[in-house]
Amino acid sequence: MSGTQDVVVRGRIEGQISLTGCNITVGKEGRIKADLLAKAIQVDGFVDGLLRGEDQILLSQTGRVRGKLIAPQVVLEEGCNFKGTVDMGDRTQDSAE
C-alpha cells in the first residue's frame, strides 16, 4: 500500500506500507504484519515488521511491536510492549556513508 495522505489503520494489513511525508496511526484494533515507512508512526495496536519513521515513532501504552524501529526520535510510553531493536542514528550521517 502506498499513498500521499495520512492513514489510520483499524483492521488487518499484510505486506508493505509506504507513506513518505505522511503519518500513519495503527489504532487499538489495528493488526499489521508489514514494513512501514512514514513521516511519523504511532502504534496503538500491534505491528510485526520494520518501522521506519522519517521524524518519529511513538508506541503508546496499548501499542505492541515486534521488529525494528528506525527513526531520529523513538518514544516508548510506559505500558507498551516492544521486542526488537531500535536505531536512532543521525540521518545526515547515514547519507554521508
N, C-alpha and C. Protein backbone atom coordinates (compact mmCIF):
# COMPACT_ATOMS: atom_id res chain seq x y z
N MET A 1 0.84 -1.17 0.00
CA MET A 1 0.00 0.00 0.00
C MET A 1 0.89 1.23 0.00
N SER A 2 0.55 2.21 -0.78
CA SER A 2 1.27 3.48 -0.75
C SER A 2 0.25 4.59 -0.89
N GLY A 3 0.67 5.80 -0.50
CA GLY A 3 -0.26 6.90 -0.59
C GLY A 3 0.39 8.23 -0.28
N THR A 4 -0.42 9.28 -0.38
CA THR A 4 0.07 10.64 -0.15
C THR A 4 -0.78 11.37 0.88
N GLN A 5 -1.51 10.62 1.71
CA GLN A 5 -2.33 11.20 2.76
C GLN A 5 -2.10 10.43 4.05
N ASP A 6 -2.41 11.08 5.18
CA ASP A 6 -2.32 10.41 6.47
C ASP A 6 -3.31 9.26 6.51
N VAL A 7 -2.93 8.19 7.24
CA VAL A 7 -3.76 6.97 7.28
C VAL A 7 -3.93 6.52 8.73
N VAL A 8 -5.14 6.04 9.04
CA VAL A 8 -5.42 5.39 10.32
C VAL A 8 -5.85 3.96 9.99
N VAL A 9 -5.16 2.97 10.58
CA VAL A 9 -5.46 1.56 10.32
C VAL A 9 -6.23 1.01 11.51
N ARG A 10 -7.42 0.49 11.24
CA ARG A 10 -8.23 -0.10 12.30
C ARG A 10 -8.53 -1.57 12.02
N GLY A 11 -7.90 -2.11 10.98
CA GLY A 11 -8.11 -3.51 10.61
C GLY A 11 -6.80 -4.23 10.46
N ARG A 12 -6.76 -5.21 9.55
CA ARG A 12 -5.56 -6.02 9.33
C ARG A 12 -4.96 -5.70 7.96
N ILE A 13 -3.62 -5.62 7.96
CA ILE A 13 -2.88 -5.39 6.71
C ILE A 13 -1.64 -6.26 6.75
N GLU A 14 -1.33 -6.89 5.60
CA GLU A 14 -0.07 -7.62 5.43
C GLU A 14 0.58 -7.11 4.16
N GLY A 15 1.92 -6.99 4.19
CA GLY A 15 2.64 -6.52 3.01
C GLY A 15 3.55 -5.36 3.36
N GLN A 16 3.55 -4.33 2.51
CA GLN A 16 4.36 -3.13 2.76
C GLN A 16 3.47 -1.90 2.70
N ILE A 17 3.82 -0.92 3.56
CA ILE A 17 3.09 0.35 3.58
C ILE A 17 4.11 1.46 3.44
N SER A 18 3.94 2.29 2.41
CA SER A 18 4.85 3.41 2.18
C SER A 18 4.05 4.70 2.08
N LEU A 19 4.21 5.57 3.07
CA LEU A 19 3.51 6.84 3.12
C LEU A 19 4.51 7.97 3.32
N THR A 20 5.45 8.10 2.41
CA THR A 20 6.51 9.09 2.52
C THR A 20 5.90 10.49 2.70
N GLY A 21 6.34 11.18 3.75
CA GLY A 21 5.84 12.53 4.02
C GLY A 21 4.49 12.58 4.70
N CYS A 22 3.92 11.43 5.03
CA CYS A 22 2.60 11.37 5.68
C CYS A 22 2.71 10.61 7.00
N ASN A 23 1.65 10.66 7.77
CA ASN A 23 1.60 10.00 9.08
C ASN A 23 0.73 8.76 9.00
N ILE A 24 1.08 7.76 9.82
CA ILE A 24 0.23 6.57 9.94
C ILE A 24 0.00 6.31 11.42
N THR A 25 -1.25 6.01 11.74
CA THR A 25 -1.62 5.62 13.09
C THR A 25 -2.23 4.24 13.03
N VAL A 26 -1.71 3.34 13.84
CA VAL A 26 -2.27 2.00 13.95
C VAL A 26 -3.19 2.02 15.17
N GLY A 27 -4.50 2.01 14.92
CA GLY A 27 -5.47 2.07 16.00
C GLY A 27 -5.40 0.85 16.90
N LYS A 28 -6.07 0.92 18.05
CA LYS A 28 -6.06 -0.19 19.01
C LYS A 28 -6.49 -1.51 18.38
N GLU A 29 -7.40 -1.44 17.40
CA GLU A 29 -7.89 -2.65 16.73
C GLU A 29 -6.97 -3.06 15.58
N GLY A 30 -6.01 -2.22 15.22
CA GLY A 30 -5.15 -2.47 14.07
C GLY A 30 -4.16 -3.60 14.30
N ARG A 31 -4.00 -4.45 13.29
CA ARG A 31 -3.05 -5.56 13.31
C ARG A 31 -2.30 -5.53 11.98
N ILE A 32 -1.01 -5.23 12.03
CA ILE A 32 -0.23 -5.09 10.81
C ILE A 32 0.95 -6.04 10.84
N LYS A 33 1.13 -6.78 9.76
CA LYS A 33 2.32 -7.59 9.56
C LYS A 33 2.93 -7.06 8.26
N ALA A 34 3.80 -6.05 8.40
CA ALA A 34 4.32 -5.36 7.23
C ALA A 34 5.47 -4.46 7.62
N ASP A 35 6.20 -4.02 6.62
CA ASP A 35 7.21 -2.99 6.81
C ASP A 35 6.52 -1.65 6.57
N LEU A 36 6.77 -0.69 7.47
CA LEU A 36 6.13 0.61 7.38
C LEU A 36 7.16 1.70 7.13
N LEU A 37 6.83 2.64 6.26
CA LEU A 37 7.62 3.84 6.04
C LEU A 37 6.66 5.01 6.05
N ALA A 38 6.90 5.98 6.94
CA ALA A 38 6.05 7.16 7.03
C ALA A 38 6.82 8.27 7.73
N LYS A 39 6.28 9.49 7.64
CA LYS A 39 6.89 10.62 8.32
C LYS A 39 6.86 10.40 9.83
N ALA A 40 5.68 10.08 10.35
CA ALA A 40 5.51 9.77 11.77
C ALA A 40 4.63 8.54 11.89
N ILE A 41 4.99 7.65 12.81
CA ILE A 41 4.25 6.42 13.03
C ILE A 41 3.82 6.37 14.48
N GLN A 42 2.51 6.16 14.71
CA GLN A 42 2.00 5.97 16.07
C GLN A 42 1.34 4.61 16.12
N VAL A 43 1.74 3.80 17.11
CA VAL A 43 1.20 2.45 17.25
C VAL A 43 0.40 2.36 18.54
N ASP A 44 -0.91 2.16 18.37
CA ASP A 44 -1.80 1.90 19.50
C ASP A 44 -2.23 0.44 19.50
N GLY A 45 -2.04 -0.26 18.37
CA GLY A 45 -2.41 -1.66 18.22
C GLY A 45 -1.16 -2.53 18.14
N PHE A 46 -1.09 -3.44 17.13
CA PHE A 46 0.02 -4.38 17.01
C PHE A 46 0.66 -4.28 15.63
N VAL A 47 2.01 -4.27 15.60
CA VAL A 47 2.76 -4.28 14.35
C VAL A 47 3.90 -5.28 14.46
N ASP A 48 4.05 -6.09 13.42
CA ASP A 48 5.16 -7.03 13.30
C ASP A 48 5.89 -6.66 12.01
N GLY A 49 7.10 -6.09 12.15
CA GLY A 49 7.85 -5.71 10.95
C GLY A 49 8.86 -4.61 11.23
N LEU A 50 9.37 -4.04 10.16
CA LEU A 50 10.33 -2.93 10.22
C LEU A 50 9.55 -1.62 10.15
N LEU A 51 9.75 -0.76 11.13
CA LEU A 51 9.09 0.54 11.14
C LEU A 51 10.15 1.61 10.93
N ARG A 52 10.00 2.38 9.86
CA ARG A 52 10.96 3.43 9.54
C ARG A 52 10.21 4.77 9.53
N GLY A 53 10.49 5.59 10.56
CA GLY A 53 9.85 6.89 10.67
C GLY A 53 10.81 7.99 10.24
N GLU A 54 10.39 8.84 9.33
CA GLU A 54 11.24 9.93 8.88
C GLU A 54 11.50 10.92 10.01
N ASP A 55 10.49 11.13 10.88
CA ASP A 55 10.63 12.05 12.02
C ASP A 55 10.55 11.34 13.36
N GLN A 56 9.52 10.49 13.53
CA GLN A 56 9.26 9.94 14.86
C GLN A 56 8.49 8.63 14.79
N ILE A 57 8.73 7.78 15.80
CA ILE A 57 7.90 6.60 16.05
C ILE A 57 7.45 6.67 17.50
N LEU A 58 6.15 6.47 17.73
CA LEU A 58 5.58 6.52 19.08
C LEU A 58 4.82 5.23 19.33
N LEU A 59 5.20 4.50 20.38
CA LEU A 59 4.44 3.35 20.85
C LEU A 59 3.68 3.80 22.08
N SER A 60 2.35 3.82 21.97
CA SER A 60 1.53 4.27 23.10
C SER A 60 1.43 3.15 24.14
N GLN A 61 0.73 3.42 25.22
CA GLN A 61 0.58 2.45 26.31
C GLN A 61 -0.02 1.13 25.82
N THR A 62 -0.88 1.19 24.81
CA THR A 62 -1.54 -0.01 24.30
C THR A 62 -0.80 -0.60 23.10
N GLY A 63 0.26 0.06 22.65
CA GLY A 63 0.98 -0.39 21.47
C GLY A 63 1.85 -1.61 21.71
N ARG A 64 1.89 -2.49 20.70
CA ARG A 64 2.75 -3.68 20.75
C ARG A 64 3.48 -3.79 19.42
N VAL A 65 4.80 -3.92 19.49
CA VAL A 65 5.61 -4.05 18.27
C VAL A 65 6.62 -5.16 18.44
N ARG A 66 6.75 -5.95 17.38
CA ARG A 66 7.80 -6.96 17.29
C ARG A 66 8.54 -6.65 15.99
N GLY A 67 9.80 -6.18 16.12
CA GLY A 67 10.55 -5.85 14.91
C GLY A 67 11.62 -4.82 15.18
N LYS A 68 11.88 -3.98 14.18
CA LYS A 68 12.94 -2.99 14.28
C LYS A 68 12.35 -1.59 14.09
N LEU A 69 12.77 -0.68 14.97
CA LEU A 69 12.34 0.72 14.88
C LEU A 69 13.52 1.57 14.42
N ILE A 70 13.32 2.35 13.36
CA ILE A 70 14.35 3.24 12.85
C ILE A 70 13.74 4.63 12.71
N ALA A 71 14.24 5.59 13.49
CA ALA A 71 13.75 6.97 13.42
C ALA A 71 14.67 7.86 14.25
N PRO A 72 14.73 9.15 13.93
CA PRO A 72 15.54 10.07 14.73
C PRO A 72 15.01 10.20 16.17
N GLN A 73 13.68 10.02 16.34
CA GLN A 73 13.08 10.12 17.66
C GLN A 73 12.16 8.92 17.86
N VAL A 74 12.40 8.15 18.93
CA VAL A 74 11.56 7.00 19.26
C VAL A 74 11.05 7.18 20.68
N VAL A 75 9.73 7.06 20.85
CA VAL A 75 9.10 7.23 22.15
C VAL A 75 8.38 5.94 22.51
N LEU A 76 8.74 5.36 23.66
CA LEU A 76 8.09 4.17 24.18
C LEU A 76 7.38 4.56 25.47
N GLU A 77 6.06 4.67 25.40
CA GLU A 77 5.30 5.05 26.58
C GLU A 77 5.26 3.88 27.57
N GLU A 78 5.15 4.23 28.84
CA GLU A 78 5.04 3.21 29.88
C GLU A 78 3.83 2.33 29.62
N GLY A 79 4.05 1.02 29.65
CA GLY A 79 2.96 0.08 29.41
C GLY A 79 2.98 -0.55 28.03
N CYS A 80 3.73 0.05 27.10
CA CYS A 80 3.79 -0.54 25.76
C CYS A 80 4.57 -1.85 25.81
N ASN A 81 4.48 -2.64 24.75
CA ASN A 81 5.17 -3.92 24.67
C ASN A 81 6.02 -3.89 23.40
N PHE A 82 7.34 -4.04 23.56
CA PHE A 82 8.25 -3.96 22.42
C PHE A 82 9.29 -5.05 22.51
N LYS A 83 9.48 -5.78 21.40
CA LYS A 83 10.54 -6.77 21.31
C LYS A 83 11.23 -6.56 19.97
N GLY A 84 12.51 -6.17 20.04
CA GLY A 84 13.25 -5.93 18.80
C GLY A 84 14.43 -5.01 19.04
N THR A 85 14.76 -4.23 18.02
CA THR A 85 15.89 -3.31 18.09
C THR A 85 15.45 -1.90 17.73
N VAL A 86 16.23 -0.93 18.21
CA VAL A 86 15.97 0.48 17.93
C VAL A 86 17.22 1.09 17.33
N ASP A 87 17.04 1.83 16.24
CA ASP A 87 18.15 2.56 15.60
C ASP A 87 17.73 4.02 15.49
N MET A 88 18.41 4.87 16.25
CA MET A 88 18.12 6.31 16.24
C MET A 88 19.29 7.08 15.63
N GLY A 89 20.00 6.44 14.71
CA GLY A 89 21.16 7.06 14.08
C GLY A 89 20.81 8.36 13.37
N ASP A 90 21.79 9.21 13.23
CA ASP A 90 21.63 10.50 12.57
C ASP A 90 21.45 10.28 11.07
N ARG A 91 20.35 10.80 10.50
CA ARG A 91 20.08 10.61 9.07
C ARG A 91 21.14 11.26 8.20
N THR A 92 21.71 12.39 8.62
CA THR A 92 22.74 13.04 7.81
C THR A 92 24.00 12.21 7.77
N GLN A 93 24.29 11.50 8.85
CA GLN A 93 25.44 10.61 8.90
C GLN A 93 25.23 9.43 7.96
N ASP A 94 24.02 8.87 7.92
CA ASP A 94 23.72 7.74 7.05
C ASP A 94 23.88 8.12 5.58
N SER A 95 23.45 9.31 5.20
CA SER A 95 23.53 9.71 3.80
C SER A 95 24.97 10.01 3.38
N ALA A 96 25.84 10.30 4.33
CA ALA A 96 27.24 10.60 4.01
C ALA A 96 28.06 9.35 3.77
N GLU A 97 27.55 8.19 4.26
CA GLU A 97 28.30 6.93 4.13
C GLU A 97 28.08 6.29 2.78
